[in-house]
């Protein structure tokens, strides 16, 4: 039986990551490695050196804005910074998202107070 070829990998770096692991781990600046359409690894900082089969590298949260955001009136392609919600990401991640949106002059979008319970929680947590 022939040995299988290395998987094709996509490396995404410089992204904020909110995991769904048992500890709700967050990385303010981290990486994701996707191998053959499946997440292979996630972590803080830069992706590991020496990965084989890398077919694409993506500089996430700023290259996407630089490459794809169209700021013109009625543009159909606009990028927004969008941390999920103030009660599901860290305050630091929200702050960094807002700073990026201001620096790049793009919109900041989040979900908040979509239910009575969320509204009460946000009032208690943030005032």
C-alpha atoms as a PDB file:
ATOM      1  CA  UNK A   1       0.000   0.000   0.000  1.00  0.00           C
ATOM      2  CA  UNK A   2       1.398   3.400  -0.988  1.00  0.00           C
ATOM      3  CA  UNK A   3       2.067   5.997   1.704  1.00  0.00           C
ATOM      4  CA  UNK A   4      -0.496   8.783   1.796  1.00  0.00           C
ATOM      5  CA  UNK A   5       0.591  12.241   0.665  1.00  0.00           C
ATOM      6  CA  UNK A   6       0.902  15.122   3.107  1.00  0.00           C
ATOM      7  CA  UNK A   7      -2.385  16.919   3.587  1.00  0.00           C
ATOM      8  CA  UNK A   8      -2.786  20.351   2.031  1.00  0.00           C
ATOM      9  CA  UNK A   9      -2.665  22.960   4.774  1.00  0.00           C
ATOM     10  CA  UNK A  10      -3.981  26.486   5.122  1.00  0.00           C
ATOM     11  CA  UNK A  11      -2.378  28.560   7.876  1.00  0.00           C
ATOM     12  CA  UNK A  12      -4.308  31.498   9.327  1.00  0.00           C
ATOM     13  CA  UNK A  13      -2.262  33.764  11.598  1.00  0.00           C
ATOM     14  CA  UNK A  14      -2.725  36.987  13.551  1.00  0.00           C
ATOM     15  CA  UNK A  15      -6.322  36.181  14.401  1.00  0.00           C
ATOM     16  CA  UNK A  16      -8.300  36.457  17.596  1.00  0.00           C
ATOM     17  CA  UNK A  17      -9.682  33.074  18.558  1.00  0.00           C
ATOM     18  CA  UNK A  18     -12.464  32.180  20.956  1.00  0.00           C
ATOM     19  CA  UNK A  19     -12.507  28.402  21.280  1.00  0.00           C
ATOM     20  CA  UNK A  20     -15.329  26.174  22.357  1.00  0.00           C
ATOM     21  CA  UNK A  21     -13.141  23.971  24.527  1.00  0.00           C
ATOM     22  CA  UNK A  22     -13.964  23.087  28.122  1.00  0.00           C
ATOM     23  CA  UNK A  23     -12.099  26.170  29.402  1.00  0.00           C
ATOM     24  CA  UNK A  24     -13.448  28.706  26.859  1.00  0.00           C
ATOM     25  CA  UNK A  25      -9.832  29.402  25.907  1.00  0.00           C
ATOM     26  CA  UNK A  26      -9.211  32.646  24.015  1.00  0.00           C
ATOM     27  CA  UNK A  27      -6.148  33.816  22.135  1.00  0.00           C
ATOM     28  CA  UNK A  28      -5.869  37.548  21.440  1.00  0.00           C
ATOM     29  CA  UNK A  29      -3.370  36.760  18.701  1.00  0.00           C
ATOM     30  CA  UNK A  30      -3.113  33.200  17.519  1.00  0.00           C
ATOM     31  CA  UNK A  31      -3.142  30.784  14.613  1.00  0.00           C
ATOM     32  CA  UNK A  32      -5.302  28.094  13.043  1.00  0.00           C
ATOM     33  CA  UNK A  33      -3.953  25.305  10.852  1.00  0.00           C
ATOM     34  CA  UNK A  34      -6.469  23.647   8.546  1.00  0.00           C
ATOM     35  CA  UNK A  35      -5.418  20.339   6.987  1.00  0.00           C
ATOM     36  CA  UNK A  36      -7.586  18.966   4.199  1.00  0.00           C
ATOM     37  CA  UNK A  37     -10.578  21.059   5.320  1.00  0.00           C
ATOM     38  CA  UNK A  38     -10.342  20.113   9.005  1.00  0.00           C
ATOM     39  CA  UNK A  39      -8.921  22.187  11.840  1.00  0.00           C
ATOM     40  CA  UNK A  40      -5.672  20.498  12.772  1.00  0.00           C
ATOM     41  CA  UNK A  41      -4.378  22.862  15.441  1.00  0.00           C
ATOM     42  CA  UNK A  42      -5.095  26.155  17.181  1.00  0.00           C
ATOM     43  CA  UNK A  43      -2.844  28.113  19.493  1.00  0.00           C
ATOM     44  CA  UNK A  44      -1.342  31.365  20.663  1.00  0.00           C
ATOM     45  CA  UNK A  45       1.262  33.270  18.652  1.00  0.00           C
ATOM     46  CA  UNK A  46       2.599  32.189  15.280  1.00  0.00           C
ATOM     47  CA  UNK A  47       1.934  28.806  13.676  1.00  0.00           C
ATOM     48  CA  UNK A  48       4.558  26.121  14.262  1.00  0.00           C
ATOM     49  CA  UNK A  49       7.608  26.191  11.992  1.00  0.00           C
ATOM     50  CA  UNK A  50       8.221  23.398   9.520  1.00  0.00           C
ATOM     51  CA  UNK A  51       4.640  22.637   8.531  1.00  0.00           C
ATOM     52  CA  UNK A  52       4.541  20.685   5.287  1.00  0.00           C
ATOM     53  CA  UNK A  53       1.988  20.939   2.517  1.00  0.00           C
ATOM     54  CA  UNK A  54       1.169  24.620   3.166  1.00  0.00           C
ATOM     55  CA  UNK A  55      -0.708  25.878   0.103  1.00  0.00           C
ATOM     56  CA  UNK A  56      -1.898  29.194   1.533  1.00  0.00           C
ATOM     57  CA  UNK A  57      -1.038  31.568   4.371  1.00  0.00           C
ATOM     58  CA  UNK A  58      -3.574  34.152   5.508  1.00  0.00           C
ATOM     59  CA  UNK A  59      -2.844  37.156   7.710  1.00  0.00           C
ATOM     60  CA  UNK A  60      -6.273  37.432   9.323  1.00  0.00           C
ATOM     61  CA  UNK A  61      -8.399  40.210  11.948  1.00  0.00           C
ATOM     62  CA  UNK A  62      -5.925  43.241   9.020  1.00  0.00           C
ATOM     63  CA  UNK A  63      -5.087  41.648   5.585  1.00  0.00           C
ATOM     64  CA  UNK A  64      -8.741  40.797   5.035  1.00  0.00           C
ATOM     65  CA  UNK A  65      -9.721  44.428   5.544  1.00  0.00           C
ATOM     66  CA  UNK A  66      -6.888  45.660   3.334  1.00  0.00           C
ATOM     67  CA  UNK A  67      -7.677  43.212   0.539  1.00  0.00           C
ATOM     68  CA  UNK A  68     -11.464  43.172   0.493  1.00  0.00           C
ATOM     69  CA  UNK A  69     -13.023  46.187   2.216  1.00  0.00           C
ATOM     70  CA  UNK A  70     -14.712  48.650  -0.117  1.00  0.00           C
ATOM     71  CA  UNK A  71     -15.492  51.859   1.793  1.00  0.00           C
ATOM     72  CA  UNK A  72     -17.409  53.500  -1.049  1.00  0.00           C
ATOM     73  CA  UNK A  73     -21.083  54.431  -0.679  1.00  0.00           C
ATOM     74  CA  UNK A  74     -23.432  51.479  -1.299  1.00  0.00           C
ATOM     75  CA  UNK A  75     -20.504  49.069  -1.662  1.00  0.00           C
ATOM     76  CA  UNK A  76     -21.528  45.426  -1.648  1.00  0.00           C
ATOM     77  CA  UNK A  77     -18.255  44.230  -0.105  1.00  0.00           C
ATOM     78  CA  UNK A  78     -17.513  45.746   3.265  1.00  0.00           C
ATOM     79  CA  UNK A  79     -15.638  44.120   6.108  1.00  0.00           C
ATOM     80  CA  UNK A  80     -16.646  44.629   9.735  1.00  0.00           C
ATOM     81  CA  UNK A  81     -14.872  43.575  12.910  1.00  0.00           C
ATOM     82  CA  UNK A  82     -17.357  41.358  14.727  1.00  0.00           C
ATOM     83  CA  UNK A  83     -16.592  39.864  18.137  1.00  0.00           C
ATOM     84  CA  UNK A  84     -19.589  37.628  18.880  1.00  0.00           C
ATOM     85  CA  UNK A  85     -20.997  39.385  21.941  1.00  0.00           C
ATOM     86  CA  UNK A  86     -19.779  41.237  25.022  1.00  0.00           C
ATOM     87  CA  UNK A  87     -20.833  38.328  27.240  1.00  0.00           C
ATOM     88  CA  UNK A  88     -19.176  35.551  25.222  1.00  0.00           C
ATOM     89  CA  UNK A  89     -15.707  37.039  24.587  1.00  0.00           C
ATOM     90  CA  UNK A  90     -13.275  38.686  26.956  1.00  0.00           C
ATOM     91  CA  UNK A  91     -13.324  42.411  27.595  1.00  0.00           C
ATOM     92  CA  UNK A  92      -9.808  42.564  26.150  1.00  0.00           C
ATOM     93  CA  UNK A  93     -10.915  40.888  22.910  1.00  0.00           C
ATOM     94  CA  UNK A  94     -13.813  43.365  22.611  1.00  0.00           C
ATOM     95  CA  UNK A  95     -11.425  46.254  23.253  1.00  0.00           C
ATOM     96  CA  UNK A  96      -8.929  45.015  20.655  1.00  0.00           C
ATOM     97  CA  UNK A  97     -11.737  44.572  18.125  1.00  0.00           C
ATOM     98  CA  UNK A  98     -12.919  48.131  18.696  1.00  0.00           C
ATOM     99  CA  UNK A  99      -9.364  49.453  18.360  1.00  0.00           C
ATOM    100  CA  UNK A 100      -8.887  47.577  15.072  1.00  0.00           C
ATOM    101  CA  UNK A 101     -12.198  48.854  13.700  1.00  0.00           C
ATOM    102  CA  UNK A 102     -11.258  52.438  14.580  1.00  0.00           C
ATOM    103  CA  UNK A 103      -7.741  52.119  13.170  1.00  0.00           C
ATOM    104  CA  UNK A 104      -8.979  50.629   9.882  1.00  0.00           C
ATOM    105  CA  UNK A 105     -12.120  52.791   9.703  1.00  0.00           C
ATOM    106  CA  UNK A 106     -14.517  49.837   9.435  1.00  0.00           C
ATOM    107  CA  UNK A 107     -17.666  49.010  11.336  1.00  0.00           C
ATOM    108  CA  UNK A 108     -17.726  47.184  14.643  1.00  0.00           C
ATOM    109  CA  UNK A 109     -20.580  44.710  14.976  1.00  0.00           C
ATOM    110  CA  UNK A 110     -21.597  42.579  17.917  1.00  0.00           C
ATOM    111  CA  UNK A 111     -24.682  40.912  19.286  1.00  0.00           C
ATOM    112  CA  UNK A 112     -26.051  42.107  22.596  1.00  0.00           C
ATOM    113  CA  UNK A 113     -29.239  42.198  24.598  1.00  0.00           C
ATOM    114  CA  UNK A 114     -31.110  40.010  22.133  1.00  0.00           C
ATOM    115  CA  UNK A 115     -33.158  38.469  24.922  1.00  0.00           C
ATOM    116  CA  UNK A 116     -34.406  39.808  28.227  1.00  0.00           C
ATOM    117  CA  UNK A 117     -31.903  37.560  30.024  1.00  0.00           C
ATOM    118  CA  UNK A 118     -28.976  38.865  27.940  1.00  0.00           C
ATOM    119  CA  UNK A 119     -30.076  42.449  28.520  1.00  0.00           C
ATOM    120  CA  UNK A 120     -30.161  41.912  32.290  1.00  0.00           C
ATOM    121  CA  UNK A 121     -26.806  40.114  32.237  1.00  0.00           C
ATOM    122  CA  UNK A 122     -25.160  42.946  30.256  1.00  0.00           C
ATOM    123  CA  UNK A 123     -26.612  45.568  32.600  1.00  0.00           C
ATOM    124  CA  UNK A 124     -25.266  43.708  35.627  1.00  0.00           C
ATOM    125  CA  UNK A 125     -21.862  43.071  34.038  1.00  0.00           C
ATOM    126  CA  UNK A 126     -21.244  46.360  32.216  1.00  0.00           C
ATOM    127  CA  UNK A 127     -23.683  48.852  33.727  1.00  0.00           C
END
